[in-house]
Amino acid sequence: MVVFAGQGDARRSMALLWRTEGPGDARPGPKPGLSVDVIVDAAIAVADAEGMAALSMRAVGERLGRTAMALYTYVPSKSELVDLMHDRVLAELPADYGPRADWRAGATAWAEDAWAFYLRHPWVLQVSQARPVLGPNEYVMLDTVVGVLRGTGLGPGALRRIVGTLFSFVRGAAQTVAESRQAATATGVSDEQWWQARSALLGEVAPDFAERFPMVAWLEGEAASPPEDASVPYLEREARKTFEAGLAVLLDGIEAAVGRAGV
């Protein structure tokens, strides 16, 4: 499920995001116990607990003990609500990662924080980055990462691509774990059951697998070491290791770019 931000009324949505009021934006006074922030918090709680597919104005209203109609005074529609939710949760990410001179430590810490953030709020991964929300916390996050990586000494042209690569890497790595956690509930089959059923059949349907795919056989030939924590599913453990290895390679690449630039 992919959700595109910015589908509501542009002026009203931006005014809500930035908490400004322009001509014609005035609304009736708030009823006791209701406000934009209260509604957004309730919507985030719904999405965290049940996923983006369960999000609706009615579901948020029920959580607050109100009707959906009672919410429209504050938030015009679900489209604006998604924008507000997305920007609101981004405020959880720290905005300071220490001295710019230690950019590698700062980038590592940010990537770890972003990884944990996406897994706390997996519905955020369903909000497409093709059309950003353009809210204040989204810009705080971007400003923070650029500030960390500016310590490399690289110019705006190079940093723009590096920042985009870092965002895409962390988001993609977290998405693998988020989807693996959702798979069992969505399908009714655990990871272990799924792999056992299909891997057992692979030997039957492709008895010459090693000959047909020698590089894959070589890659999988090394005996796996016992897991440090057997309570963590296999795919999630592998995704975490891939995240750590990929982040190290990405940061090594940035260091190489710094060296080539002579900064």
Protein backbone atom coordinates (compact mmCIF):
# COMPACT_ATOMS: atom_id res chain seq x y z
CA MET A 1 0.00 0.00 0.00
CA VAL A 2 1.48 3.33 -1.10
CA VAL A 3 0.06 6.61 0.15
CA PHE A 4 0.90 9.87 -1.60
CA ALA A 5 1.21 12.94 0.57
CA GLY A 6 -0.16 16.33 -0.40
CA GLN A 7 -3.47 15.11 -1.80
CA GLY A 8 -5.66 17.50 0.14
CA ASP A 9 -6.24 21.21 -0.26
CA ALA A 10 -2.75 22.69 -0.64
CA ARG A 11 -3.34 25.96 1.20
CA ARG A 12 -5.20 24.38 4.11
CA SER A 13 -2.70 21.54 4.43
CA MET A 14 0.33 23.86 4.47
CA ALA A 15 -1.39 26.17 6.96
CA LEU A 16 -2.02 23.22 9.27
CA LEU A 17 1.52 21.90 8.90
CA TRP A 18 3.11 25.24 9.65
CA ARG A 19 0.39 26.33 12.11
CA THR A 20 -0.44 29.55 10.27
CA GLU A 21 -3.76 31.07 9.35
CA GLY A 22 -4.44 33.01 6.17
CA PRO A 23 -7.48 34.80 4.77
CA GLY A 24 -10.53 32.58 4.84
CA ASP A 25 -8.83 29.93 7.00
CA ALA A 26 -10.61 30.79 10.25
CA ARG A 27 -12.52 27.94 11.85
CA PRO A 28 -15.02 27.78 14.69
CA GLY A 29 -13.53 27.65 18.17
CA PRO A 30 -12.38 24.26 19.44
CA LYS A 31 -14.69 22.08 21.41
CA PRO A 32 -13.42 20.93 24.80
CA GLY A 33 -10.87 18.14 24.48
CA LEU A 34 -10.40 18.42 20.72
CA SER A 35 -7.63 20.11 18.76
CA VAL A 36 -5.52 19.43 15.69
CA ASP A 37 -2.75 17.98 17.88
CA VAL A 38 -5.13 15.69 19.75
CA ILE A 39 -6.55 14.38 16.47
CA VAL A 40 -3.11 13.84 14.94
CA ASP A 41 -1.89 11.99 18.03
CA ALA A 42 -4.95 9.73 17.91
CA ALA A 43 -4.41 9.06 14.20
CA ILE A 44 -0.77 8.12 14.83
CA ALA A 45 -1.91 5.73 17.56
CA VAL A 46 -4.35 4.08 15.13
CA ALA A 47 -1.68 3.70 12.43
CA ASP A 48 0.91 2.39 14.91
CA ALA A 49 -1.49 -0.21 16.29
CA GLU A 50 -3.36 -1.29 13.17
CA GLY A 51 -1.46 -0.02 10.14
CA MET A 52 -2.19 2.56 7.48
CA ALA A 53 -4.97 0.45 5.96
CA ALA A 54 -7.00 0.87 9.16
CA LEU A 55 -6.66 4.65 9.20
CA SER A 56 -9.86 6.60 8.58
CA MET A 57 -11.51 9.66 10.01
CA ARG A 58 -14.12 7.38 11.57
CA ALA A 59 -11.45 5.20 13.24
CA VAL A 60 -9.75 8.28 14.67
CA GLY A 61 -13.07 9.66 15.83
CA GLU A 62 -13.93 6.39 17.56
CA ARG A 63 -10.60 6.45 19.36
CA LEU A 64 -11.44 9.90 20.64
CA GLY A 65 -15.05 9.07 21.44
CA ARG A 66 -16.29 11.42 18.73
CA THR A 67 -17.91 11.11 15.32
CA ALA A 68 -15.88 11.56 12.17
CA MET A 69 -17.87 14.71 11.43
CA ALA A 70 -16.59 16.28 14.66
CA LEU A 71 -13.03 16.10 13.32
CA TYR A 72 -13.62 17.96 10.07
CA THR A 73 -13.69 21.34 11.83
CA TYR A 74 -10.01 20.81 12.63
CA VAL A 75 -8.71 18.63 9.79
CA PRO A 76 -10.53 18.82 6.43
CA SER A 77 -9.94 15.21 5.34
CA LYS A 78 -7.80 12.11 5.67
CA SER A 79 -5.39 13.50 3.07
CA GLU A 80 -4.41 16.46 5.25
CA LEU A 81 -4.37 14.16 8.26
CA VAL A 82 -1.72 11.90 6.69
CA ASP A 83 0.48 14.94 6.02
CA LEU A 84 0.15 16.05 9.63
CA MET A 85 0.82 12.57 11.00
CA HIS A 86 3.92 12.11 8.88
CA ASP A 87 5.43 15.44 9.88
CA ARG A 88 4.46 15.04 13.53
CA VAL A 89 6.27 11.73 14.10
CA LEU A 90 9.43 13.03 12.42
CA ALA A 91 9.84 15.28 15.46
CA GLU A 92 10.96 12.18 17.37
CA LEU A 93 14.29 12.18 15.52
CA PRO A 94 17.10 14.09 17.26
CA ALA A 95 18.21 17.33 15.66
CA ASP A 96 21.78 17.44 16.99
CA TYR A 97 24.53 14.87 16.47
CA GLY A 98 27.52 16.66 17.87
CA PRO A 99 30.52 18.35 16.21
CA ARG A 100 30.52 18.37 12.41
CA ALA A 101 34.16 17.29 12.40
CA ASP A 102 33.07 13.80 13.47
CA TRP A 103 30.67 13.39 10.57
CA ARG A 104 31.00 9.59 10.37
CA ALA A 105 29.90 9.08 13.98
CA GLY A 106 27.06 11.54 13.44
CA ALA A 107 25.88 9.83 10.25
CA THR A 108 26.03 6.43 11.95
CA ALA A 109 24.02 7.66 14.92
CA TRP A 110 21.43 9.28 12.65
CA ALA A 111 21.07 6.11 10.56
CA GLU A 112 20.56 4.03 13.72
CA ASP A 113 17.97 6.47 15.02
CA ALA A 114 16.14 6.53 11.67
CA TRP A 115 16.17 2.70 11.49
CA ALA A 116 14.58 2.48 14.95
CA PHE A 117 12.10 5.26 14.08
CA TYR A 118 10.85 3.47 10.95
CA LEU A 119 10.34 0.25 12.90
CA ARG A 120 8.37 2.10 15.60
CA HIS A 121 6.16 3.64 12.94
CA PRO A 122 6.22 1.25 9.96
CA TRP A 123 3.26 3.03 8.35
CA VAL A 124 5.62 5.95 7.61
CA LEU A 125 7.32 3.68 5.06
CA GLN A 126 4.05 3.59 3.11
CA VAL A 127 4.04 7.36 2.63
CA SER A 128 5.72 7.84 -0.74
CA GLN A 129 8.77 10.08 -0.95
CA ALA A 130 7.86 11.00 -4.51
CA ARG A 131 5.85 13.91 -3.12
CA PRO A 132 7.25 15.14 0.19
CA VAL A 133 5.02 16.58 2.86
CA LEU A 134 7.01 19.86 3.06
CA GLY A 135 6.34 20.25 6.76
CA PRO A 136 8.64 21.83 9.36
CA ASN A 137 9.82 18.58 10.93
CA GLU A 138 10.62 17.12 7.52
CA TYR A 139 12.89 20.11 6.95
CA VAL A 140 14.41 19.76 10.43
CA MET A 141 15.33 16.15 9.60
CA LEU A 142 16.86 17.17 6.27
CA ASP A 143 18.68 20.11 7.81
CA THR A 144 20.10 17.82 10.50
CA VAL A 145 21.47 15.26 8.05
CA VAL A 146 22.94 17.92 5.79
CA GLY A 147 24.53 19.52 8.85
CA VAL A 148 26.12 16.20 9.83
CA LEU A 149 27.48 15.50 6.35
CA ARG A 150 28.63 19.05 5.74
CA GLY A 151 31.47 18.12 8.05
CA THR A 152 32.91 16.14 5.14
CA GLY A 153 33.77 19.39 3.39
CA LEU A 154 32.00 18.29 0.20
CA GLY A 155 30.00 20.87 -1.75
CA PRO A 156 26.23 21.09 -2.20
CA GLY A 157 26.18 19.18 -5.50
CA ALA A 158 27.91 16.11 -4.06
CA LEU A 159 26.09 16.26 -0.72
CA ARG A 160 22.67 16.41 -2.35
CA ARG A 161 23.24 12.98 -3.93
CA ILE A 162 24.88 11.52 -0.82
CA VAL A 163 22.01 12.63 1.43
CA GLY A 164 19.50 11.11 -0.98
CA THR A 165 21.46 7.86 -1.05
CA LEU A 166 21.64 7.69 2.75
CA PHE A 167 17.91 8.30 3.11
CA SER A 168 17.06 5.67 0.50
CA PHE A 169 19.39 3.11 2.06
CA VAL A 170 18.07 3.43 5.62
CA ARG A 171 14.45 3.53 4.51
CA GLY A 172 14.85 0.49 2.25
CA ALA A 173 16.68 -1.53 4.89
CA ALA A 174 14.03 -0.80 7.51
CA GLN A 175 11.25 -1.66 5.07
CA THR A 176 12.50 -5.23 4.78
CA VAL A 177 12.15 -5.73 8.53
CA ALA A 178 8.81 -3.92 8.72
CA GLU A 179 7.33 -6.07 5.96
CA SER A 180 8.70 -9.28 7.45
CA ARG A 181 6.97 -8.42 10.73
CA GLN A 182 3.70 -7.77 8.91
CA ALA A 183 3.86 -10.89 6.71
CA ALA A 184 2.81 -13.45 9.32
CA THR A 185 -0.26 -11.45 10.37
CA ALA A 186 -1.24 -10.64 6.79
CA THR A 187 -0.85 -14.20 5.47
CA GLY A 188 -1.45 -16.38 8.53
CA VAL A 189 1.85 -18.18 7.86
CA SER A 190 5.04 -17.63 9.89
CA ASP A 191 8.40 -17.04 8.21
CA GLU A 192 9.59 -20.44 9.39
CA GLN A 193 6.56 -22.23 7.96
CA TRP A 194 6.83 -20.37 4.66
CA TRP A 195 10.53 -21.13 4.17
CA GLN A 196 10.24 -24.76 5.26
CA ALA A 197 7.39 -25.42 2.82
CA ARG A 198 9.16 -23.90 -0.16
CA SER A 199 12.82 -24.68 0.48
CA ALA A 200 11.93 -28.36 0.89
CA LEU A 201 10.30 -28.33 -2.55
CA LEU A 202 13.20 -26.53 -4.20
CA GLY A 203 15.26 -29.70 -4.17
CA GLU A 204 12.47 -31.52 -5.98
CA VAL A 205 11.75 -28.99 -8.69
CA ALA A 206 15.40 -28.06 -9.25
CA PRO A 207 17.64 -31.02 -8.38
CA ASP A 208 20.41 -29.43 -10.49
CA PHE A 209 20.16 -26.11 -8.67
CA ALA A 210 23.90 -25.90 -7.87
CA GLU A 211 24.85 -26.51 -11.49
CA ARG A 212 22.34 -24.00 -12.85
CA PHE A 213 23.10 -21.29 -10.30
CA PRO A 214 26.72 -21.88 -9.20
CA MET A 215 27.28 -18.38 -7.81
CA VAL A 216 24.15 -18.56 -5.65
CA ALA A 217 25.18 -22.02 -4.42
CA TRP A 218 28.64 -20.67 -3.58
CA LEU A 219 27.15 -17.71 -1.76
CA GLU A 220 24.89 -19.93 0.32
CA GLY A 221 27.49 -22.65 0.86
CA GLU A 222 29.09 -21.21 3.97
CA ALA A 223 27.63 -22.69 7.13
CA ALA A 224 25.64 -20.15 9.07
CA SER A 225 26.82 -19.33 12.58
CA PRO A 226 24.36 -19.89 15.43
CA PRO A 227 22.18 -16.82 16.01
CA GLU A 228 23.02 -14.63 18.99
CA ASP A 229 19.32 -14.22 19.71
CA ALA A 230 17.18 -17.10 18.42
CA SER A 231 14.02 -15.19 19.36
CA VAL A 232 14.60 -12.81 16.43
CA PRO A 233 13.31 -14.25 13.13
CA TYR A 234 15.93 -15.22 10.55
CA LEU A 235 14.96 -12.61 7.94
CA GLU A 236 15.01 -9.83 10.52
CA ARG A 237 18.46 -10.91 11.77
CA GLU A 238 19.79 -10.94 8.22
CA ALA A 239 18.25 -7.56 7.43
CA ARG A 240 19.92 -6.07 10.48
CA LYS A 241 23.32 -7.48 9.50
CA THR A 242 22.83 -6.21 5.96
CA PHE A 243 21.96 -2.77 7.33
CA GLU A 244 25.14 -2.65 9.40
CA ALA A 245 27.36 -3.87 6.56
CA GLY A 246 25.71 -1.63 3.98
CA LEU A 247 25.98 1.45 6.19
CA ALA A 248 29.70 0.81 6.71
CA VAL A 249 30.26 0.44 2.96
CA LEU A 250 28.25 3.61 2.26
CA LEU A 251 30.25 5.63 4.78
CA ASP A 252 33.50 4.21 3.41
CA GLY A 253 32.37 5.43 -0.01
CA ILE A 254 31.74 8.92 1.35
CA GLU A 255 35.23 8.93 2.84
CA ALA A 256 36.63 7.92 -0.53
CA ALA A 257 34.71 10.78 -2.19
CA VAL A 258 36.16 13.19 0.37
CA GLY A 259 39.64 11.90 -0.42
CA ARG A 260 39.16 12.30 -4.16
CA ALA A 261 37.87 15.84 -3.67
CA GLY A 262 40.91 16.67 -1.55
CA VAL A 263 38.89 18.40 1.16
